[in-house]
Amino acid sequence: MNGILATGGMGWGSLLIMYAVIIGGFWFLLMRPQKKEQKRIQLMLSELAVGDTVLTTSGFYGVIIDVQDDDVVVEFGNNKNCRIPMQKAAITQVEKPGVEI
């Protein structure tokens, strides 16, 4: 009788270890890459400067003409009167002037 109870106890322990391994695997495969992407985006937005060419979430290309804390003013097209203030979070790509990719 004691042998059966001991085996059952070992089963629960190994089951908990298996769950821990599965949860750790999900974190490694799903959460870690997302956190790395968030850090990359934060770094990109923190390095914004006047003169950078940006792509917005709506698909427009523009040039930054002013940078504030959480906002930027972007000039679109050749029309110098088309200046739109927007949040930094609306920027998806940045290209520095004079840098070849």
N, C-alpha and C. Protein backbone atom coordinates (compact mmCIF):
# COMPACT_ATOMS: atom_id res chain seq x y z
N MET A 1 0.82 -1.20 0.00
CA MET A 1 0.00 0.00 0.00
C MET A 1 0.86 1.26 0.00
N ASN A 2 1.92 1.25 0.76
CA ASN A 2 2.79 2.43 0.78
C ASN A 2 3.46 2.67 -0.55
N GLY A 3 3.75 1.60 -1.30
CA GLY A 3 4.37 1.75 -2.61
C GLY A 3 3.48 2.49 -3.60
N ILE A 4 2.18 2.27 -3.53
CA ILE A 4 1.25 2.95 -4.43
C ILE A 4 1.17 4.43 -4.11
N LEU A 5 1.11 4.77 -2.83
CA LEU A 5 1.05 6.18 -2.45
C LEU A 5 2.32 6.91 -2.82
N ALA A 6 3.46 6.27 -2.64
CA ALA A 6 4.73 6.90 -2.99
C ALA A 6 4.82 7.15 -4.49
N THR A 7 4.34 6.21 -5.28
CA THR A 7 4.36 6.37 -6.73
C THR A 7 3.42 7.50 -7.15
N GLY A 8 2.26 7.59 -6.50
CA GLY A 8 1.33 8.67 -6.82
C GLY A 8 1.92 10.03 -6.49
N GLY A 9 2.64 10.13 -5.39
CA GLY A 9 3.29 11.38 -5.02
C GLY A 9 4.36 11.78 -6.02
N MET A 10 5.08 10.83 -6.53
CA MET A 10 6.12 11.12 -7.52
C MET A 10 5.47 11.59 -8.82
N GLY A 11 4.28 11.07 -9.13
CA GLY A 11 3.57 11.47 -10.33
C GLY A 11 3.19 12.95 -10.30
N TRP A 12 2.72 13.43 -9.14
CA TRP A 12 2.34 14.84 -9.02
C TRP A 12 3.57 15.74 -9.14
N GLY A 13 4.66 15.31 -8.54
CA GLY A 13 5.89 16.11 -8.62
C GLY A 13 6.38 16.23 -10.06
N SER A 14 6.38 15.13 -10.77
CA SER A 14 6.83 15.18 -12.16
C SER A 14 5.85 15.96 -13.03
N LEU A 15 4.56 15.90 -12.69
CA LEU A 15 3.56 16.67 -13.43
C LEU A 15 3.79 18.17 -13.24
N LEU A 16 4.10 18.59 -12.03
CA LEU A 16 4.38 20.00 -11.77
C LEU A 16 5.64 20.45 -12.49
N ILE A 17 6.64 19.59 -12.51
CA ILE A 17 7.87 19.93 -13.23
C ILE A 17 7.59 20.06 -14.72
N MET A 18 6.76 19.17 -15.24
CA MET A 18 6.40 19.22 -16.67
C MET A 18 5.66 20.52 -17.00
N TYR A 19 4.73 20.93 -16.14
CA TYR A 19 4.04 22.20 -16.35
C TYR A 19 5.01 23.38 -16.31
N ALA A 20 5.95 23.35 -15.38
CA ALA A 20 6.94 24.42 -15.28
C ALA A 20 7.77 24.49 -16.56
N VAL A 21 8.15 23.35 -17.11
CA VAL A 21 8.92 23.32 -18.35
C VAL A 21 8.09 23.87 -19.50
N ILE A 22 6.83 23.52 -19.58
CA ILE A 22 5.96 24.00 -20.66
C ILE A 22 5.76 25.51 -20.56
N ILE A 23 5.51 26.00 -19.37
CA ILE A 23 5.33 27.45 -19.19
C ILE A 23 6.61 28.19 -19.50
N GLY A 24 7.75 27.63 -19.08
CA GLY A 24 9.04 28.24 -19.41
C GLY A 24 9.27 28.26 -20.92
N GLY A 25 8.89 27.20 -21.60
CA GLY A 25 9.03 27.16 -23.06
C GLY A 25 8.18 28.20 -23.75
N PHE A 26 6.93 28.35 -23.28
CA PHE A 26 6.06 29.39 -23.86
C PHE A 26 6.64 30.78 -23.63
N TRP A 27 7.19 31.02 -22.45
CA TRP A 27 7.78 32.33 -22.18
C TRP A 27 8.95 32.56 -23.13
N PHE A 28 9.79 31.55 -23.28
CA PHE A 28 10.97 31.70 -24.13
C PHE A 28 10.59 31.92 -25.59
N LEU A 29 9.56 31.23 -26.07
CA LEU A 29 9.18 31.33 -27.47
C LEU A 29 8.28 32.52 -27.79
N LEU A 30 7.47 32.98 -26.83
CA LEU A 30 6.50 34.03 -27.12
C LEU A 30 6.82 35.36 -26.45
N MET A 31 7.07 35.36 -25.18
CA MET A 31 7.21 36.61 -24.44
C MET A 31 8.58 37.26 -24.66
N ARG A 32 9.62 36.48 -24.69
CA ARG A 32 10.97 37.03 -24.82
C ARG A 32 11.14 37.81 -26.13
N PRO A 33 10.76 37.26 -27.29
CA PRO A 33 10.89 38.04 -28.53
C PRO A 33 10.06 39.32 -28.52
N GLN A 34 8.89 39.28 -27.88
CA GLN A 34 8.05 40.47 -27.81
C GLN A 34 8.74 41.55 -26.98
N LYS A 35 9.35 41.19 -25.88
CA LYS A 35 10.05 42.17 -25.06
C LYS A 35 11.26 42.74 -25.79
N LYS A 36 11.97 41.91 -26.57
CA LYS A 36 13.10 42.41 -27.35
C LYS A 36 12.62 43.41 -28.39
N GLU A 37 11.49 43.15 -29.03
CA GLU A 37 10.94 44.07 -30.03
C GLU A 37 10.52 45.39 -29.38
N GLN A 38 9.92 45.32 -28.19
CA GLN A 38 9.53 46.54 -27.48
C GLN A 38 10.76 47.38 -27.13
N LYS A 39 11.84 46.73 -26.71
CA LYS A 39 13.07 47.47 -26.40
C LYS A 39 13.65 48.12 -27.65
N ARG A 40 13.59 47.41 -28.80
CA ARG A 40 14.09 47.96 -30.05
C ARG A 40 13.30 49.20 -30.45
N ILE A 41 11.98 49.13 -30.31
CA ILE A 41 11.12 50.26 -30.67
C ILE A 41 11.38 51.44 -29.74
N GLN A 42 11.50 51.18 -28.44
CA GLN A 42 11.78 52.27 -27.49
C GLN A 42 13.11 52.95 -27.81
N LEU A 43 14.12 52.16 -28.15
CA LEU A 43 15.43 52.73 -28.51
C LEU A 43 15.31 53.57 -29.77
N MET A 44 14.59 53.06 -30.78
CA MET A 44 14.40 53.80 -32.03
C MET A 44 13.72 55.14 -31.77
N LEU A 45 12.66 55.13 -30.94
CA LEU A 45 11.92 56.36 -30.67
C LEU A 45 12.72 57.33 -29.81
N SER A 46 13.57 56.82 -28.94
CA SER A 46 14.37 57.71 -28.10
C SER A 46 15.48 58.40 -28.89
N GLU A 47 15.87 57.84 -30.04
CA GLU A 47 16.94 58.41 -30.85
C GLU A 47 16.42 59.27 -32.00
N LEU A 48 15.13 59.61 -32.01
CA LEU A 48 14.59 60.47 -33.07
C LEU A 48 15.25 61.83 -33.03
N ALA A 49 15.53 62.36 -34.21
CA ALA A 49 16.15 63.68 -34.30
C ALA A 49 15.54 64.44 -35.48
N VAL A 50 15.71 65.75 -35.45
CA VAL A 50 15.23 66.60 -36.53
C VAL A 50 15.96 66.20 -37.81
N GLY A 51 15.21 66.05 -38.90
CA GLY A 51 15.79 65.69 -40.19
C GLY A 51 15.66 64.21 -40.53
N ASP A 52 15.26 63.38 -39.56
CA ASP A 52 15.07 61.95 -39.83
C ASP A 52 13.84 61.74 -40.71
N THR A 53 13.95 60.81 -41.63
CA THR A 53 12.80 60.41 -42.44
C THR A 53 12.11 59.27 -41.73
N VAL A 54 10.79 59.39 -41.56
CA VAL A 54 10.04 58.39 -40.80
C VAL A 54 8.89 57.83 -41.62
N LEU A 55 8.48 56.62 -41.26
CA LEU A 55 7.29 56.00 -41.81
C LEU A 55 6.30 55.88 -40.66
N THR A 56 5.08 56.37 -40.86
CA THR A 56 4.07 56.34 -39.80
C THR A 56 3.25 55.06 -39.90
N THR A 57 2.46 54.80 -38.87
CA THR A 57 1.61 53.61 -38.86
C THR A 57 0.54 53.67 -39.94
N SER A 58 0.22 54.87 -40.42
CA SER A 58 -0.78 54.99 -41.48
C SER A 58 -0.16 54.88 -42.87
N GLY A 59 1.17 54.72 -42.94
CA GLY A 59 1.82 54.50 -44.23
C GLY A 59 2.37 55.74 -44.90
N PHE A 60 2.40 56.86 -44.22
CA PHE A 60 2.92 58.09 -44.79
C PHE A 60 4.40 58.26 -44.44
N TYR A 61 5.17 58.72 -45.43
CA TYR A 61 6.57 59.08 -45.20
C TYR A 61 6.66 60.57 -44.95
N GLY A 62 7.50 60.96 -44.01
CA GLY A 62 7.67 62.37 -43.72
C GLY A 62 9.02 62.62 -43.09
N VAL A 63 9.31 63.90 -42.87
CA VAL A 63 10.57 64.32 -42.27
C VAL A 63 10.25 65.02 -40.95
N ILE A 64 10.97 64.66 -39.91
CA ILE A 64 10.75 65.26 -38.60
C ILE A 64 11.33 66.67 -38.60
N ILE A 65 10.53 67.64 -38.16
CA ILE A 65 11.01 69.01 -38.08
C ILE A 65 11.05 69.52 -36.63
N ASP A 66 10.44 68.79 -35.70
CA ASP A 66 10.50 69.17 -34.29
C ASP A 66 10.25 67.93 -33.43
N VAL A 67 11.01 67.80 -32.35
CA VAL A 67 10.87 66.68 -31.43
C VAL A 67 10.58 67.24 -30.04
N GLN A 68 9.51 66.72 -29.43
CA GLN A 68 9.17 67.10 -28.06
C GLN A 68 9.20 65.83 -27.21
N ASP A 69 8.66 65.87 -26.00
CA ASP A 69 8.72 64.71 -25.11
C ASP A 69 8.07 63.47 -25.72
N ASP A 70 6.77 63.50 -25.92
CA ASP A 70 6.05 62.35 -26.46
C ASP A 70 5.51 62.59 -27.86
N ASP A 71 5.76 63.77 -28.41
CA ASP A 71 5.22 64.14 -29.71
C ASP A 71 6.33 64.58 -30.66
N VAL A 72 6.03 64.52 -31.94
CA VAL A 72 6.91 65.05 -32.98
C VAL A 72 6.06 65.82 -33.97
N VAL A 73 6.68 66.74 -34.69
CA VAL A 73 6.01 67.43 -35.79
C VAL A 73 6.66 66.91 -37.06
N VAL A 74 5.83 66.37 -37.96
CA VAL A 74 6.32 65.74 -39.19
C VAL A 74 5.81 66.54 -40.38
N GLU A 75 6.72 66.76 -41.33
CA GLU A 75 6.38 67.47 -42.57
C GLU A 75 6.23 66.43 -43.67
N PHE A 76 5.10 66.46 -44.35
CA PHE A 76 4.79 65.48 -45.38
C PHE A 76 4.86 66.10 -46.76
N GLY A 77 5.48 65.39 -47.71
CA GLY A 77 5.51 65.82 -49.10
C GLY A 77 6.37 67.05 -49.33
N ASN A 78 6.23 67.64 -50.50
CA ASN A 78 7.00 68.82 -50.87
C ASN A 78 6.35 70.11 -50.38
N ASN A 79 5.11 70.01 -49.94
CA ASN A 79 4.38 71.18 -49.47
C ASN A 79 4.86 71.52 -48.06
N LYS A 80 5.53 72.64 -47.91
CA LYS A 80 6.07 73.04 -46.61
C LYS A 80 4.98 73.41 -45.60
N ASN A 81 3.74 73.53 -46.05
CA ASN A 81 2.65 73.87 -45.15
C ASN A 81 1.98 72.64 -44.56
N CYS A 82 2.39 71.46 -44.95
CA CYS A 82 1.77 70.23 -44.46
C CYS A 82 2.60 69.67 -43.31
N ARG A 83 2.43 70.30 -42.16
CA ARG A 83 3.15 69.89 -40.94
C ARG A 83 2.13 69.40 -39.94
N ILE A 84 2.32 68.15 -39.50
CA ILE A 84 1.33 67.53 -38.61
C ILE A 84 2.00 67.06 -37.33
N PRO A 85 1.49 67.51 -36.18
CA PRO A 85 2.00 66.97 -34.92
C PRO A 85 1.41 65.57 -34.68
N MET A 86 2.22 64.66 -34.19
CA MET A 86 1.74 63.31 -33.90
C MET A 86 2.54 62.71 -32.75
N GLN A 87 2.00 61.65 -32.19
CA GLN A 87 2.69 60.95 -31.11
C GLN A 87 3.85 60.15 -31.68
N LYS A 88 4.90 60.00 -30.87
CA LYS A 88 6.04 59.20 -31.29
C LYS A 88 5.64 57.75 -31.53
N ALA A 89 4.63 57.28 -30.82
CA ALA A 89 4.20 55.89 -30.94
C ALA A 89 3.63 55.59 -32.33
N ALA A 90 3.30 56.62 -33.12
CA ALA A 90 2.75 56.42 -34.45
C ALA A 90 3.85 56.21 -35.50
N ILE A 91 5.11 56.18 -35.08
CA ILE A 91 6.22 56.00 -36.00
C ILE A 91 6.66 54.54 -35.97
N THR A 92 6.77 53.93 -37.16
CA THR A 92 7.15 52.52 -37.22
C THR A 92 8.57 52.30 -37.72
N GLN A 93 9.09 53.21 -38.55
CA GLN A 93 10.45 53.09 -39.06
C GLN A 93 11.11 54.46 -39.10
N VAL A 94 12.43 54.46 -38.90
CA VAL A 94 13.19 55.70 -38.96
C VAL A 94 14.40 55.47 -39.86
N GLU A 95 14.66 56.45 -40.73
CA GLU A 95 15.85 56.41 -41.56
C GLU A 95 16.64 57.69 -41.32
N LYS A 96 17.85 57.54 -40.85
CA LYS A 96 18.70 58.69 -40.56
C LYS A 96 19.23 59.26 -41.87
N PRO A 97 19.35 60.58 -41.99
CA PRO A 97 19.86 61.17 -43.23
C PRO A 97 21.33 60.80 -43.43
N GLY A 98 21.68 60.44 -44.67
CA GLY A 98 23.07 60.14 -45.00
C GLY A 98 23.52 58.74 -44.60
N VAL A 99 22.63 57.90 -44.10
CA VAL A 99 22.99 56.53 -43.71
C VAL A 99 22.43 55.58 -44.74
N GLU A 100 23.31 54.80 -45.37
CA GLU A 100 22.88 53.82 -46.37
C GLU A 100 22.60 52.51 -45.68
N ILE A 101 21.52 51.85 -46.10
CA ILE A 101 21.14 50.55 -45.50
C ILE A 101 21.62 49.42 -46.39
